[in-house]
All heavy atoms as atom14 arrays in JSON, in Angstrom:
{
  "sequence": "KRDWGRERPDIDTTAQLTVIGIQRLNALLDHELETFFAPFDLTPSSFD",
  "atom14_mask": [
    [1, 1, 1, 1, 1, 1, 1, 1, 1, 0, 0, 0, 0, 0],
    [1, 1, 1, 1, 1, 1, 1, 1, 1, 1, 1, 0, 0, 0],
    [1, 1, 1, 1, 1, 1, 1, 1, 0, 0, 0, 0, 0, 0],
    [1, 1, 1, 1, 1, 1, 1, 1, 1, 1, 1, 1, 1, 1],
    [1, 1, 1, 1, 0, 0, 0, 0, 0, 0, 0, 0, 0, 0],
    [1, 1, 1, 1, 1, 1, 1, 1, 1, 1, 1, 0, 0, 0],
    [1, 1, 1, 1, 1, 1, 1, 1, 1, 0, 0, 0, 0, 0],
    [1, 1, 1, 1, 1, 1, 1, 1, 1, 1, 1, 0, 0, 0],
    [1, 1, 1, 1, 1, 1, 1, 0, 0, 0, 0, 0, 0, 0],
    [1, 1, 1, 1, 1, 1, 1, 1, 0, 0, 0, 0, 0, 0],
    [1, 1, 1, 1, 1, 1, 1, 1, 0, 0, 0, 0, 0, 0],
    [1, 1, 1, 1, 1, 1, 1, 1, 0, 0, 0, 0, 0, 0],
    [1, 1, 1, 1, 1, 1, 1, 0, 0, 0, 0, 0, 0, 0],
    [1, 1, 1, 1, 1, 1, 1, 0, 0, 0, 0, 0, 0, 0],
    [1, 1, 1, 1, 1, 0, 0, 0, 0, 0, 0, 0, 0, 0],
    [1, 1, 1, 1, 1, 1, 1, 1, 1, 0, 0, 0, 0, 0],
    [1, 1, 1, 1, 1, 1, 1, 1, 0, 0, 0, 0, 0, 0],
    [1, 1, 1, 1, 1, 1, 1, 0, 0, 0, 0, 0, 0, 0],
    [1, 1, 1, 1, 1, 1, 1, 0, 0, 0, 0, 0, 0, 0],
    [1, 1, 1, 1, 1, 1, 1, 1, 0, 0, 0, 0, 0, 0],
    [1, 1, 1, 1, 0, 0, 0, 0, 0, 0, 0, 0, 0, 0],
    [1, 1, 1, 1, 1, 1, 1, 1, 0, 0, 0, 0, 0, 0],
    [1, 1, 1, 1, 1, 1, 1, 1, 1, 0, 0, 0, 0, 0],
    [1, 1, 1, 1, 1, 1, 1, 1, 1, 1, 1, 0, 0, 0],
    [1, 1, 1, 1, 1, 1, 1, 1, 0, 0, 0, 0, 0, 0],
    [1, 1, 1, 1, 1, 1, 1, 1, 0, 0, 0, 0, 0, 0],
    [1, 1, 1, 1, 1, 0, 0, 0, 0, 0, 0, 0, 0, 0],
    [1, 1, 1, 1, 1, 1, 1, 1, 0, 0, 0, 0, 0, 0],
    [1, 1, 1, 1, 1, 1, 1, 1, 0, 0, 0, 0, 0, 0],
    [1, 1, 1, 1, 1, 1, 1, 1, 0, 0, 0, 0, 0, 0],
    [1, 1, 1, 1, 1, 1, 1, 1, 1, 1, 0, 0, 0, 0],
    [1, 1, 1, 1, 1, 1, 1, 1, 1, 0, 0, 0, 0, 0],
    [1, 1, 1, 1, 1, 1, 1, 1, 0, 0, 0, 0, 0, 0],
    [1, 1, 1, 1, 1, 1, 1, 1, 1, 0, 0, 0, 0, 0],
    [1, 1, 1, 1, 1, 1, 1, 0, 0, 0, 0, 0, 0, 0],
    [1, 1, 1, 1, 1, 1, 1, 1, 1, 1, 1, 0, 0, 0],
    [1, 1, 1, 1, 1, 1, 1, 1, 1, 1, 1, 0, 0, 0],
    [1, 1, 1, 1, 1, 0, 0, 0, 0, 0, 0, 0, 0, 0],
    [1, 1, 1, 1, 1, 1, 1, 0, 0, 0, 0, 0, 0, 0],
    [1, 1, 1, 1, 1, 1, 1, 1, 1, 1, 1, 0, 0, 0],
    [1, 1, 1, 1, 1, 1, 1, 1, 0, 0, 0, 0, 0, 0],
    [1, 1, 1, 1, 1, 1, 1, 1, 0, 0, 0, 0, 0, 0],
    [1, 1, 1, 1, 1, 1, 1, 0, 0, 0, 0, 0, 0, 0],
    [1, 1, 1, 1, 1, 1, 1, 0, 0, 0, 0, 0, 0, 0],
    [1, 1, 1, 1, 1, 1, 0, 0, 0, 0, 0, 0, 0, 0],
    [1, 1, 1, 1, 1, 1, 0, 0, 0, 0, 0, 0, 0, 0],
    [1, 1, 1, 1, 1, 1, 1, 1, 1, 1, 1, 0, 0, 0],
    [1, 1, 1, 1, 1, 1, 1, 1, 0, 0, 0, 0, 0, 0]
  ],
  "atom14_positions": [
    [[10.39, 73.1, -46.82], [10.92, 74.32, -47.44], [9.88, 74.94, -48.37], [9.65, 76.15, -48.34], [12.2, 74.0, -48.21], [12.84, 75.22, -48.83], [14.14, 74.88, -49.52], [14.75, 76.15, -50.09], [16.05, 75.9, -50.69], [0.0, 0.0, 0.0], [0.0, 0.0, 0.0], [0.0, 0.0, 0.0], [0.0, 0.0, 0.0], [0.0, 0.0, 0.0]],
    [[9.24, 74.1, -49.17], [8.22, 74.6, -50.09], [7.05, 75.22, -49.34], [6.59, 76.32, -49.66], [7.74, 73.46, -50.99], [6.78, 73.97, -52.1], [5.97, 72.87, -52.73], [4.92, 72.5, -51.78], [4.46, 71.25, -51.63], [4.93, 70.27, -52.36], [3.52, 70.98, -50.76], [0.0, 0.0, 0.0], [0.0, 0.0, 0.0], [0.0, 0.0, 0.0]],
    [[6.57, 74.5, -48.32], [5.41, 74.98, -47.57], [5.71, 76.29, -46.85], [4.9, 77.22, -46.87], [4.93, 73.93, -46.58], [4.26, 72.74, -47.28], [4.03, 72.81, -48.51], [4.0, 71.73, -46.59], [0.0, 0.0, 0.0], [0.0, 0.0, 0.0], [0.0, 0.0, 0.0], [0.0, 0.0, 0.0], [0.0, 0.0, 0.0], [0.0, 0.0, 0.0]],
    [[6.86, 76.39, -46.19], [7.21, 77.65, -45.52], [7.44, 78.76, -46.54], [7.14, 79.92, -46.28], [8.43, 77.49, -44.61], [8.11, 76.9, -43.27], [8.71, 75.83, -42.68], [7.13, 77.35, -42.33], [8.18, 75.57, -41.45], [7.19, 76.51, -41.21], [6.19, 78.38, -42.33], [6.37, 76.66, -40.1], [5.37, 78.54, -41.21], [5.47, 77.68, -40.12]],
    [[7.98, 78.4, -47.69], [8.17, 79.39, -48.74], [6.86, 79.99, -49.2], [6.78, 81.17, -49.54], [0.0, 0.0, 0.0], [0.0, 0.0, 0.0], [0.0, 0.0, 0.0], [0.0, 0.0, 0.0], [0.0, 0.0, 0.0], [0.0, 0.0, 0.0], [0.0, 0.0, 0.0], [0.0, 0.0, 0.0], [0.0, 0.0, 0.0], [0.0, 0.0, 0.0]],
    [[5.83, 79.16, -49.2], [4.49, 79.63, -49.59], [3.84, 80.41, -48.44], [3.28, 81.47, -48.65], [3.62, 78.42, -49.96], [2.22, 78.8, -50.43], [1.32, 77.57, -50.61], [1.06, 76.94, -49.31], [1.42, 75.68, -48.99], [2.02, 74.91, -49.86], [1.15, 75.2, -47.79], [0.0, 0.0, 0.0], [0.0, 0.0, 0.0], [0.0, 0.0, 0.0]],
    [[3.93, 79.87, -47.22], [3.23, 80.47, -46.08], [3.97, 81.64, -45.45], [3.34, 82.59, -45.0], [2.98, 79.39, -45.01], [2.04, 78.3, -45.45], [0.65, 78.81, -45.74], [0.15, 79.69, -45.01], [0.04, 78.34, -46.73], [0.0, 0.0, 0.0], [0.0, 0.0, 0.0], [0.0, 0.0, 0.0], [0.0, 0.0, 0.0], [0.0, 0.0, 0.0]],
    [[5.3, 81.54, -45.38], [6.09, 82.6, -44.77], [7.38, 82.81, -45.57], [8.47, 82.45, -45.13], [6.46, 82.23, -43.32], [5.34, 82.23, -42.32], [4.8, 83.63, -42.0], [5.82, 84.58, -41.57], [6.19, 84.78, -40.31], [5.61, 84.09, -39.35], [7.11, 85.67, -40.02], [0.0, 0.0, 0.0], [0.0, 0.0, 0.0], [0.0, 0.0, 0.0]],
    [[7.26, 83.4, -46.76], [8.45, 83.59, -47.6], [9.48, 84.53, -46.97], [10.63, 84.55, -47.42], [7.87, 84.18, -48.89], [6.53, 84.71, -48.53], [6.04, 83.9, -47.37], [0.0, 0.0, 0.0], [0.0, 0.0, 0.0], [0.0, 0.0, 0.0], [0.0, 0.0, 0.0], [0.0, 0.0, 0.0], [0.0, 0.0, 0.0], [0.0, 0.0, 0.0]],
    [[9.1, 85.23, -45.93], [10.03, 86.15, -45.25], [10.97, 85.43, -44.29], [11.93, 86.01, -43.8], [9.24, 87.21, -44.47], [8.3, 86.58, -43.45], [7.53, 85.67, -43.83], [8.33, 87.0, -42.27], [0.0, 0.0, 0.0], [0.0, 0.0, 0.0], [0.0, 0.0, 0.0], [0.0, 0.0, 0.0], [0.0, 0.0, 0.0], [0.0, 0.0, 0.0]],
    [[10.75, 84.14, -44.04], [11.55, 83.36, -43.09], [12.6, 82.53, -43.84], [12.27, 81.82, -44.78], [10.65, 82.39, -42.28], [9.57, 83.14, -41.53], [11.48, 81.51, -41.36], [10.0, 83.76, -40.24], [0.0, 0.0, 0.0], [0.0, 0.0, 0.0], [0.0, 0.0, 0.0], [0.0, 0.0, 0.0], [0.0, 0.0, 0.0], [0.0, 0.0, 0.0]],
    [[13.85, 82.62, -43.39], [14.91, 81.77, -43.93], [14.89, 80.46, -43.14], [15.14, 80.45, -41.93], [16.27, 82.46, -43.78], [17.43, 81.63, -44.3], [17.19, 80.5, -44.81], [18.57, 82.09, -44.19], [0.0, 0.0, 0.0], [0.0, 0.0, 0.0], [0.0, 0.0, 0.0], [0.0, 0.0, 0.0], [0.0, 0.0, 0.0], [0.0, 0.0, 0.0]],
    [[14.56, 79.39, -43.8], [14.4, 78.09, -43.13], [15.67, 77.24, -43.14], [15.63, 76.08, -42.72], [13.27, 77.29, -43.8], [13.57, 77.12, -45.19], [11.93, 77.98, -43.64], [0.0, 0.0, 0.0], [0.0, 0.0, 0.0], [0.0, 0.0, 0.0], [0.0, 0.0, 0.0], [0.0, 0.0, 0.0], [0.0, 0.0, 0.0], [0.0, 0.0, 0.0]],
    [[16.79, 77.8, -43.56], [18.03, 77.02, -43.66], [18.38, 76.34, -42.34], [18.66, 75.13, -42.31], [19.19, 77.93, -44.12], [18.82, 78.52, -45.37], [20.47, 77.14, -44.28], [0.0, 0.0, 0.0], [0.0, 0.0, 0.0], [0.0, 0.0, 0.0], [0.0, 0.0, 0.0], [0.0, 0.0, 0.0], [0.0, 0.0, 0.0], [0.0, 0.0, 0.0]],
    [[18.37, 77.09, -41.25], [18.73, 76.51, -39.95], [17.73, 75.44, -39.54], [18.11, 74.35, -39.07], [18.83, 77.6, -38.88], [0.0, 0.0, 0.0], [0.0, 0.0, 0.0], [0.0, 0.0, 0.0], [0.0, 0.0, 0.0], [0.0, 0.0, 0.0], [0.0, 0.0, 0.0], [0.0, 0.0, 0.0], [0.0, 0.0, 0.0], [0.0, 0.0, 0.0]],
    [[16.45, 75.74, -39.7], [15.4, 74.78, -39.33], [15.56, 73.47, -40.11], [15.49, 72.38, -39.54], [14.03, 75.38, -39.6], [12.89, 74.45, -39.23], [11.54, 74.99, -39.64], [11.38, 75.48, -40.75], [10.57, 74.89, -38.74], [0.0, 0.0, 0.0], [0.0, 0.0, 0.0], [0.0, 0.0, 0.0], [0.0, 0.0, 0.0], [0.0, 0.0, 0.0]],
    [[15.78, 73.58, -41.4], [15.92, 72.38, -42.23], [17.16, 71.58, -41.85], [17.14, 70.35, -41.86], [15.94, 72.76, -43.71], [14.64, 73.39, -44.23], [14.84, 73.92, -45.64], [13.5, 72.41, -44.16], [0.0, 0.0, 0.0], [0.0, 0.0, 0.0], [0.0, 0.0, 0.0], [0.0, 0.0, 0.0], [0.0, 0.0, 0.0], [0.0, 0.0, 0.0]],
    [[18.22, 72.27, -41.48], [19.45, 71.58, -41.06], [19.2, 70.82, -39.76], [19.57, 69.64, -39.65], [20.6, 72.59, -40.88], [20.8, 73.27, -42.12], [21.87, 71.91, -40.45], [0.0, 0.0, 0.0], [0.0, 0.0, 0.0], [0.0, 0.0, 0.0], [0.0, 0.0, 0.0], [0.0, 0.0, 0.0], [0.0, 0.0, 0.0], [0.0, 0.0, 0.0]],
    [[18.57, 71.47, -38.8], [18.3, 70.81, -37.52], [17.34, 69.63, -37.7], [17.55, 68.55, -37.14], [17.77, 71.82, -36.47], [17.28, 71.11, -35.22], [18.87, 72.83, -36.12], [0.0, 0.0, 0.0], [0.0, 0.0, 0.0], [0.0, 0.0, 0.0], [0.0, 0.0, 0.0], [0.0, 0.0, 0.0], [0.0, 0.0, 0.0], [0.0, 0.0, 0.0]],
    [[16.3, 69.81, -38.49], [15.37, 68.7, -38.74], [16.1, 67.53, -39.41], [15.89, 66.37, -39.05], [14.17, 69.16, -39.6], [13.28, 70.1, -38.79], [13.36, 67.96, -40.11], [12.21, 70.81, -39.63], [0.0, 0.0, 0.0], [0.0, 0.0, 0.0], [0.0, 0.0, 0.0], [0.0, 0.0, 0.0], [0.0, 0.0, 0.0], [0.0, 0.0, 0.0]],
    [[16.98, 67.85, -40.35], [17.75, 66.8, -41.01], [18.62, 66.03, -40.02], [18.71, 64.79, -40.07], [0.0, 0.0, 0.0], [0.0, 0.0, 0.0], [0.0, 0.0, 0.0], [0.0, 0.0, 0.0], [0.0, 0.0, 0.0], [0.0, 0.0, 0.0], [0.0, 0.0, 0.0], [0.0, 0.0, 0.0], [0.0, 0.0, 0.0], [0.0, 0.0, 0.0]],
    [[19.25, 66.75, -39.1], [20.09, 66.1, -38.08], [19.22, 65.25, -37.15], [19.6, 64.12, -36.8], [20.89, 67.15, -37.29], [21.94, 67.79, -38.21], [21.57, 66.52, -36.07], [22.61, 69.02, -37.62], [0.0, 0.0, 0.0], [0.0, 0.0, 0.0], [0.0, 0.0, 0.0], [0.0, 0.0, 0.0], [0.0, 0.0, 0.0], [0.0, 0.0, 0.0]],
    [[18.06, 65.76, -36.77], [17.16, 64.99, -35.92], [16.71, 63.71, -36.6], [16.65, 62.64, -35.98], [15.94, 65.83, -35.52], [16.27, 66.94, -34.56], [15.1, 67.88, -34.33], [14.38, 68.24, -35.26], [14.91, 68.28, -33.09], [0.0, 0.0, 0.0], [0.0, 0.0, 0.0], [0.0, 0.0, 0.0], [0.0, 0.0, 0.0], [0.0, 0.0, 0.0]],
    [[16.38, 63.8, -37.87], [15.97, 62.6, -38.62], [17.12, 61.6, -38.72], [16.93, 60.4, -38.56], [15.48, 62.99, -40.03], [14.19, 63.77, -40.08], [12.97, 62.9, -39.86], [12.82, 61.88, -40.88], [11.75, 61.68, -41.59], [10.69, 62.43, -41.41], [11.7, 60.73, -42.49], [0.0, 0.0, 0.0], [0.0, 0.0, 0.0], [0.0, 0.0, 0.0]],
    [[18.31, 62.12, -39.0], [19.49, 61.25, -39.07], [19.72, 60.56, -37.73], [19.99, 59.35, -37.68], [20.73, 62.06, -39.47], [22.05, 61.3, -39.5], [22.0, 60.13, -40.47], [23.18, 62.26, -39.87], [0.0, 0.0, 0.0], [0.0, 0.0, 0.0], [0.0, 0.0, 0.0], [0.0, 0.0, 0.0], [0.0, 0.0, 0.0], [0.0, 0.0, 0.0]],
    [[19.59, 61.3, -36.64], [19.76, 60.72, -35.31], [18.76, 59.59, -35.06], [19.11, 58.53, -34.56], [19.64, 61.8, -34.24], [19.92, 61.27, -32.86], [20.98, 60.73, -32.59], [18.96, 61.41, -31.97], [0.0, 0.0, 0.0], [0.0, 0.0, 0.0], [0.0, 0.0, 0.0], [0.0, 0.0, 0.0], [0.0, 0.0, 0.0], [0.0, 0.0, 0.0]],
    [[17.5, 59.82, -35.44], [16.48, 58.79, -35.27], [16.8, 57.55, -36.1], [16.64, 56.41, -35.63], [15.1, 59.35, -35.64], [0.0, 0.0, 0.0], [0.0, 0.0, 0.0], [0.0, 0.0, 0.0], [0.0, 0.0, 0.0], [0.0, 0.0, 0.0], [0.0, 0.0, 0.0], [0.0, 0.0, 0.0], [0.0, 0.0, 0.0], [0.0, 0.0, 0.0]],
    [[17.26, 57.76, -37.33], [17.62, 56.63, -38.18], [18.81, 55.86, -37.61], [18.81, 54.62, -37.6], [17.95, 57.13, -39.6], [16.76, 57.65, -40.4], [17.24, 58.42, -41.63], [15.83, 56.51, -40.79], [0.0, 0.0, 0.0], [0.0, 0.0, 0.0], [0.0, 0.0, 0.0], [0.0, 0.0, 0.0], [0.0, 0.0, 0.0], [0.0, 0.0, 0.0]],
    [[19.81, 56.57, -37.13], [20.97, 55.91, -36.53], [20.58, 55.16, -35.26], [21.04, 54.03, -35.05], [22.07, 56.92, -36.22], [22.93, 57.36, -37.39], [23.85, 58.51, -36.98], [23.72, 56.21, -37.97], [0.0, 0.0, 0.0], [0.0, 0.0, 0.0], [0.0, 0.0, 0.0], [0.0, 0.0, 0.0], [0.0, 0.0, 0.0], [0.0, 0.0, 0.0]],
    [[19.74, 55.78, -34.43], [19.28, 55.09, -33.22], [18.61, 53.78, -33.58], [18.88, 52.74, -32.96], [18.29, 55.97, -32.43], [18.96, 57.06, -31.63], [20.2, 57.04, -31.46], [18.23, 57.96, -31.16], [0.0, 0.0, 0.0], [0.0, 0.0, 0.0], [0.0, 0.0, 0.0], [0.0, 0.0, 0.0], [0.0, 0.0, 0.0], [0.0, 0.0, 0.0]],
    [[17.74, 53.81, -34.57], [17.05, 52.58, -34.99], [18.04, 51.53, -35.49], [17.94, 50.35, -35.12], [16.02, 52.9, -36.08], [15.37, 51.69, -36.65], [14.41, 50.97, -35.96], [15.57, 51.04, -37.82], [14.06, 49.93, -36.7], [14.73, 49.95, -37.83], [0.0, 0.0, 0.0], [0.0, 0.0, 0.0], [0.0, 0.0, 0.0], [0.0, 0.0, 0.0]],
    [[18.97, 51.95, -36.33], [19.98, 51.01, -36.86], [20.79, 50.37, -35.73], [21.04, 49.17, -35.75], [20.92, 51.73, -37.82], [20.31, 52.08, -39.16], [20.12, 50.88, -40.07], [20.81, 49.85, -39.9], [19.27, 50.97, -40.97], [0.0, 0.0, 0.0], [0.0, 0.0, 0.0], [0.0, 0.0, 0.0], [0.0, 0.0, 0.0], [0.0, 0.0, 0.0]],
    [[21.21, 51.17, -34.77], [22.04, 50.65, -33.68], [21.24, 49.77, -32.73], [21.73, 48.72, -32.3], [22.72, 51.79, -32.94], [23.75, 52.56, -33.76], [24.3, 53.74, -32.98], [24.88, 51.66, -34.24], [0.0, 0.0, 0.0], [0.0, 0.0, 0.0], [0.0, 0.0, 0.0], [0.0, 0.0, 0.0], [0.0, 0.0, 0.0], [0.0, 0.0, 0.0]],
    [[20.02, 50.16, -32.43], [19.17, 49.32, -31.59], [18.95, 47.96, -32.24], [19.01, 46.92, -31.58], [17.84, 50.01, -31.3], [17.98, 51.17, -30.34], [16.77, 52.09, -30.3], [15.73, 51.77, -30.95], [16.87, 53.13, -29.63], [0.0, 0.0, 0.0], [0.0, 0.0, 0.0], [0.0, 0.0, 0.0], [0.0, 0.0, 0.0], [0.0, 0.0, 0.0]],
    [[18.7, 47.97, -33.54], [18.5, 46.73, -34.28], [19.76, 45.88, -34.28], [19.71, 44.66, -34.11], [18.06, 47.05, -35.73], [16.84, 47.79, -35.69], [17.87, 45.79, -36.55], [0.0, 0.0, 0.0], [0.0, 0.0, 0.0], [0.0, 0.0, 0.0], [0.0, 0.0, 0.0], [0.0, 0.0, 0.0], [0.0, 0.0, 0.0], [0.0, 0.0, 0.0]],
    [[20.92, 46.53, -34.46], [22.18, 45.8, -34.47], [22.47, 45.12, -33.13], [22.87, 43.96, -33.07], [23.35, 46.74, -34.83], [24.68, 46.08, -34.64], [25.18, 45.21, -35.61], [25.42, 46.29, -33.49], [26.4, 44.57, -35.41], [26.64, 45.66, -33.3], [27.13, 44.8, -34.26], [0.0, 0.0, 0.0], [0.0, 0.0, 0.0], [0.0, 0.0, 0.0]],
    [[22.28, 45.84, -32.02], [22.65, 45.32, -30.7], [21.64, 44.32, -30.13], [21.99, 43.53, -29.25], [22.87, 46.47, -29.71], [24.14, 47.23, -29.95], [24.11, 48.56, -30.32], [25.38, 46.61, -29.8], [25.28, 49.26, -30.54], [26.55, 47.3, -30.01], [26.51, 48.64, -30.39], [0.0, 0.0, 0.0], [0.0, 0.0, 0.0], [0.0, 0.0, 0.0]],
    [[20.41, 44.34, -30.61], [19.35, 43.48, -30.06], [19.71, 41.99, -30.02], [19.46, 41.34, -29.0], [18.05, 43.71, -30.81], [0.0, 0.0, 0.0], [0.0, 0.0, 0.0], [0.0, 0.0, 0.0], [0.0, 0.0, 0.0], [0.0, 0.0, 0.0], [0.0, 0.0, 0.0], [0.0, 0.0, 0.0], [0.0, 0.0, 0.0], [0.0, 0.0, 0.0]],
    [[20.31, 41.41, -31.06], [20.62, 39.98, -30.99], [21.62, 39.62, -29.88], [21.71, 38.45, -29.49], [21.22, 39.66, -32.36], [20.73, 40.74, -33.26], [20.58, 41.95, -32.39], [0.0, 0.0, 0.0], [0.0, 0.0, 0.0], [0.0, 0.0, 0.0], [0.0, 0.0, 0.0], [0.0, 0.0, 0.0], [0.0, 0.0, 0.0], [0.0, 0.0, 0.0]],
    [[22.35, 40.6, -29.39], [23.31, 40.37, -28.31], [22.71, 40.68, -26.94], [23.4, 40.68, -25.94], [24.57, 41.23, -28.52], [25.22, 41.0, -29.85], [25.01, 41.9, -30.89], [26.0, 39.89, -30.09], [25.59, 41.7, -32.13], [26.59, 39.67, -31.32], [26.38, 40.58, -32.36], [0.0, 0.0, 0.0], [0.0, 0.0, 0.0], [0.0, 0.0, 0.0]],
    [[21.39, 40.97, -26.95], [20.68, 41.38, -25.74], [21.34, 42.62, -25.13], [21.49, 42.73, -23.92], [20.6, 40.24, -24.73], [19.56, 40.49, -23.65], [18.62, 41.27, -23.9], [19.69, 39.93, -22.55], [0.0, 0.0, 0.0], [0.0, 0.0, 0.0], [0.0, 0.0, 0.0], [0.0, 0.0, 0.0], [0.0, 0.0, 0.0], [0.0, 0.0, 0.0]],
    [[21.75, 43.53, -26.01], [22.35, 44.8, -25.6], [21.57, 45.94, -26.22], [20.83, 45.75, -27.18], [23.81, 44.89, -26.07], [24.81, 43.91, -25.47], [26.14, 44.0, -26.21], [25.01, 44.19, -23.98], [0.0, 0.0, 0.0], [0.0, 0.0, 0.0], [0.0, 0.0, 0.0], [0.0, 0.0, 0.0], [0.0, 0.0, 0.0], [0.0, 0.0, 0.0]],
    [[21.77, 47.11, -25.65], [21.28, 48.35, -26.23], [22.52, 49.17, -26.58], [23.63, 48.87, -26.1], [20.42, 49.13, -25.23], [21.25, 49.5, -24.12], [19.22, 48.32, -24.77], [0.0, 0.0, 0.0], [0.0, 0.0, 0.0], [0.0, 0.0, 0.0], [0.0, 0.0, 0.0], [0.0, 0.0, 0.0], [0.0, 0.0, 0.0], [0.0, 0.0, 0.0]],
    [[22.36, 50.21, -27.38], [23.53, 51.08, -27.63], [24.13, 51.61, -26.33], [25.35, 51.66, -26.18], [22.96, 52.21, -28.5], [21.83, 51.56, -29.24], [21.22, 50.62, -28.23], [0.0, 0.0, 0.0], [0.0, 0.0, 0.0], [0.0, 0.0, 0.0], [0.0, 0.0, 0.0], [0.0, 0.0, 0.0], [0.0, 0.0, 0.0], [0.0, 0.0, 0.0]],
    [[23.29, 51.95, -25.35], [23.83, 52.49, -24.11], [24.51, 51.43, -23.25], [25.52, 51.71, -22.61], [22.73, 53.21, -23.31], [21.68, 52.34, -23.01], [0.0, 0.0, 0.0], [0.0, 0.0, 0.0], [0.0, 0.0, 0.0], [0.0, 0.0, 0.0], [0.0, 0.0, 0.0], [0.0, 0.0, 0.0], [0.0, 0.0, 0.0], [0.0, 0.0, 0.0]],
    [[24.01, 50.21, -23.25], [24.7, 49.16, -22.48], [26.02, 48.78, -23.15], [27.02, 48.54, -22.47], [23.8, 47.94, -22.27], [23.47, 47.31, -23.49], [0.0, 0.0, 0.0], [0.0, 0.0, 0.0], [0.0, 0.0, 0.0], [0.0, 0.0, 0.0], [0.0, 0.0, 0.0], [0.0, 0.0, 0.0], [0.0, 0.0, 0.0], [0.0, 0.0, 0.0]],
    [[26.02, 48.76, -24.47], [27.29, 48.49, -25.15], [28.3, 49.6, -24.89], [29.49, 49.35, -24.77], [27.1, 48.29, -26.65], [28.41, 48.02, -27.34], [29.06, 46.81, -27.18], [29.02, 49.0, -28.12], [30.29, 46.57, -27.79], [30.24, 48.77, -28.73], [30.88, 47.55, -28.56], [0.0, 0.0, 0.0], [0.0, 0.0, 0.0], [0.0, 0.0, 0.0]],
    [[27.81, 50.83, -24.77], [28.7, 51.96, -24.48], [29.46, 51.72, -23.18], [30.66, 52.01, -23.09], [27.89, 53.26, -24.42], [28.75, 54.51, -24.38], [29.94, 54.46, -24.78], [28.23, 55.56, -23.95], [0.0, 0.0, 0.0], [0.0, 0.0, 0.0], [0.0, 0.0, 0.0], [0.0, 0.0, 0.0], [0.0, 0.0, 0.0], [0.0, 0.0, 0.0]]
  ]
}
């Protein structure tokens, strides 16, 4: 947000920051679930 505010103050980054936040959350959840299922020799998709 700071960098775009400096480089392109005319752009509203609200949507971009929301999507990036969701993508980061998804990556974190994927990691947590993969780690959880590994001891059972499962993946999140196989458990599904």
